C-alpha atoms as a PDB file:
ATOM      1  CA  UNK A   1     -11.717  -1.846 -14.165  1.00  0.00           C
ATOM      2  CA  UNK A   2     -11.603  -5.380 -16.389  1.00  0.00           C
ATOM      3  CA  UNK A   3     -12.733  -8.027 -14.935  1.00  0.00           C
ATOM      4  CA  UNK A   4     -10.138 -10.640 -14.471  1.00  0.00           C
ATOM      5  CA  UNK A   5      -8.568  -7.654 -12.366  1.00  0.00           C
ATOM      6  CA  UNK A   6     -11.457  -7.910 -10.129  1.00  0.00           C
ATOM      7  CA  UNK A   7     -11.674 -11.884  -9.709  1.00  0.00           C
ATOM      8  CA  UNK A   8      -7.559 -12.428  -8.994  1.00  0.00           C
ATOM      9  CA  UNK A   9      -8.295  -9.605  -5.734  1.00  0.00           C
ATOM     10  CA  UNK A  10     -11.904 -11.129  -5.295  1.00  0.00           C
ATOM     11  CA  UNK A  11      -9.589 -14.961  -5.276  1.00  0.00           C
ATOM     12  CA  UNK A  12      -6.801 -13.440  -3.411  1.00  0.00           C
ATOM     13  CA  UNK A  13      -9.094 -11.937  -0.652  1.00  0.00           C
ATOM     14  CA  UNK A  14     -11.401 -14.930  -0.216  1.00  0.00           C
ATOM     15  CA  UNK A  15      -8.240 -17.841   0.056  1.00  0.00           C
ATOM     16  CA  UNK A  16      -6.434 -14.805   2.706  1.00  0.00           C
ATOM     17  CA  UNK A  17      -9.302 -14.816   4.424  1.00  0.00           C
ATOM     18  CA  UNK A  18     -10.643 -18.637   5.031  1.00  0.00           C
ATOM     19  CA  UNK A  19      -6.658 -19.436   6.410  1.00  0.00           C
ATOM     20  CA  UNK A  20      -6.395 -17.181   8.327  1.00  0.00           C
ATOM     21  CA  UNK A  21      -9.798 -18.790   9.746  1.00  0.00           C
ATOM     22  CA  UNK A  22      -8.126 -22.029   9.860  1.00  0.00           C
ATOM     23  CA  UNK A  23      -5.163 -20.736  11.359  1.00  0.00           C
ATOM     24  CA  UNK A  24      -7.367 -19.419  14.256  1.00  0.00           C
ATOM     25  CA  UNK A  25      -9.093 -22.338  14.412  1.00  0.00           C
ATOM     26  CA  UNK A  26      -5.745 -24.543  14.811  1.00  0.00           C
ATOM     27  CA  UNK A  27      -5.949 -26.359  11.666  1.00  0.00           C
ATOM     28  CA  UNK A  28      -2.342 -25.822  10.864  1.00  0.00           C
ATOM     29  CA  UNK A  29       1.140 -26.959  12.016  1.00  0.00           C
ATOM     30  CA  UNK A  30       3.630 -23.573  12.400  1.00  0.00           C
ATOM     31  CA  UNK A  31       5.419 -24.681   9.700  1.00  0.00           C
ATOM     32  CA  UNK A  32       2.642 -24.320   6.317  1.00  0.00           C
ATOM     33  CA  UNK A  33       1.025 -21.125   8.482  1.00  0.00           C
ATOM     34  CA  UNK A  34       4.779 -19.360   9.188  1.00  0.00           C
ATOM     35  CA  UNK A  35       5.282 -20.787   5.300  1.00  0.00           C
ATOM     36  CA  UNK A  36       1.813 -18.879   4.415  1.00  0.00           C
ATOM     37  CA  UNK A  37       2.679 -16.107   5.962  1.00  0.00           C
ATOM     38  CA  UNK A  38       6.082 -15.524   4.777  1.00  0.00           C
ATOM     39  CA  UNK A  39       4.091 -15.900   1.201  1.00  0.00           C
ATOM     40  CA  UNK A  40       1.913 -12.873   2.000  1.00  0.00           C
ATOM     41  CA  UNK A  41       4.259 -11.079   3.218  1.00  0.00           C
ATOM     42  CA  UNK A  42       7.214 -11.440  -0.171  1.00  0.00           C
ATOM     43  CA  UNK A  43       3.977 -10.554  -1.733  1.00  0.00           C
ATOM     44  CA  UNK A  44       3.018  -7.839  -0.073  1.00  0.00           C
ATOM     45  CA  UNK A  45       6.028  -5.763  -0.282  1.00  0.00           C
ATOM     46  CA  UNK A  46       6.682  -6.462  -3.615  1.00  0.00           C
ATOM     47  CA  UNK A  47       3.442  -4.831  -4.664  1.00  0.00           C
ATOM     48  CA  UNK A  48       3.754  -1.649  -2.555  1.00  0.00           C
ATOM     49  CA  UNK A  49       7.991  -1.939  -4.649  1.00  0.00           C
ATOM     50  CA  UNK A  50       5.544  -1.817  -7.791  1.00  0.00           C
ATOM     51  CA  UNK A  51       3.542   1.327  -6.262  1.00  0.00           C
ATOM     52  CA  UNK A  52       6.368   3.548  -4.981  1.00  0.00           C
ATOM     53  CA  UNK A  53       8.582   2.440  -8.674  1.00  0.00           C
ATOM     54  CA  UNK A  54       5.430   4.554  -9.909  1.00  0.00           C
ATOM     55  CA  UNK A  55       4.750   7.058  -8.124  1.00  0.00           C
ATOM     56  CA  UNK A  56       8.224   7.899  -8.218  1.00  0.00           C
ATOM     57  CA  UNK A  57       7.742   8.466 -11.780  1.00  0.00           C
ATOM     58  CA  UNK A  58       4.893  10.330 -11.137  1.00  0.00           C
ATOM     59  CA  UNK A  59       6.432  13.304  -8.324  1.00  0.00           C
ATOM     60  CA  UNK A  60       9.661  13.437 -11.133  1.00  0.00           C
ATOM     61  CA  UNK A  61       7.159  13.960 -14.193  1.00  0.00           C
ATOM     62  CA  UNK A  62       5.200  16.448 -11.735  1.00  0.00           C
ATOM     63  CA  UNK A  63       8.833  17.550 -10.842  1.00  0.00           C
ATOM     64  CA  UNK A  64       9.974  18.093 -14.520  1.00  0.00           C
ATOM     65  CA  UNK A  65       6.672  20.083 -15.975  1.00  0.00           C
ATOM     66  CA  UNK A  66       6.585  17.155 -17.851  1.00  0.00           C
ATOM     67  CA  UNK A  67       2.647  17.445 -17.108  1.00  0.00           C
ATOM     68  CA  UNK A  68       2.101  21.258 -16.574  1.00  0.00           C
ATOM     69  CA  UNK A  69       0.225  23.312 -14.237  1.00  0.00           C
ATOM     70  CA  UNK A  70      -1.641  20.520 -12.686  1.00  0.00           C
ATOM     71  CA  UNK A  71       2.209  18.737 -12.334  1.00  0.00           C
ATOM     72  CA  UNK A  72       2.906  21.840  -9.923  1.00  0.00           C
ATOM     73  CA  UNK A  73      -0.678  21.665  -8.064  1.00  0.00           C
ATOM     74  CA  UNK A  74      -0.308  18.248  -6.837  1.00  0.00           C
ATOM     75  CA  UNK A  75       3.149  18.446  -5.881  1.00  0.00           C
ATOM     76  CA  UNK A  76       1.729  21.661  -3.674  1.00  0.00           C
ATOM     77  CA  UNK A  77      -0.467  20.309  -2.440  1.00  0.00           C
ATOM     78  CA  UNK A  78       0.989  17.193  -0.901  1.00  0.00           C
ATOM     79  CA  UNK A  79       3.368  19.457   0.287  1.00  0.00           C
ATOM     80  CA  UNK A  80       1.191  21.062   1.955  1.00  0.00           C
ATOM     81  CA  UNK A  81      -0.110  17.984   3.197  1.00  0.00           C
ATOM     82  CA  UNK A  82       3.121  16.754   4.888  1.00  0.00           C
ATOM     83  CA  UNK A  83       3.487  20.193   6.143  1.00  0.00           C
ATOM     84  CA  UNK A  84       0.679  19.717   8.214  1.00  0.00           C
ATOM     85  CA  UNK A  85       0.983  15.852   9.682  1.00  0.00           C
ATOM     86  CA  UNK A  86       4.956  17.398  10.628  1.00  0.00           C
ATOM     87  CA  UNK A  87       3.156  20.431  12.161  1.00  0.00           C
ATOM     88  CA  UNK A  88       0.653  17.152  13.695  1.00  0.00           C
ATOM     89  CA  UNK A  89       3.739  15.169  15.340  1.00  0.00           C
ATOM     90  CA  UNK A  90       5.126  18.256  16.619  1.00  0.00           C
ATOM     91  CA  UNK A  91       2.196  19.231  18.851  1.00  0.00           C
ATOM     92  CA  UNK A  92       0.119  16.142  19.418  1.00  0.00           C
ATOM     93  CA  UNK A  93       3.287  14.198  19.862  1.00  0.00           C
ATOM     94  CA  UNK A  94       1.868  11.339  18.323  1.00  0.00           C
ATOM     95  CA  UNK A  95      -0.079  10.545  15.258  1.00  0.00           C
ATOM     96  CA  UNK A  96      -3.339  11.573  15.157  1.00  0.00           C
ATOM     97  CA  UNK A  97      -5.931   9.245  13.013  1.00  0.00           C
END
């Protein structure tokens, strides 16, 4: 893994932690904490969408056969996990953690 990515992740996590501690101590007024929360939500949604598009491309490659037998094995495993999850939801009427 690239060292730059680790530095960025460390800086992001430490800054979020510091802002959270300062907000819980009452250091921020309402406007600044709303701004920080909005920025964090925007960043999180952007990261989710980028990850989703990568997952969508990967699943399409598996389904089309571009990855060979390993892609079909992955699709089969994913289907088995989804079937298990749905059957647990039906049987226990709640998500099992």
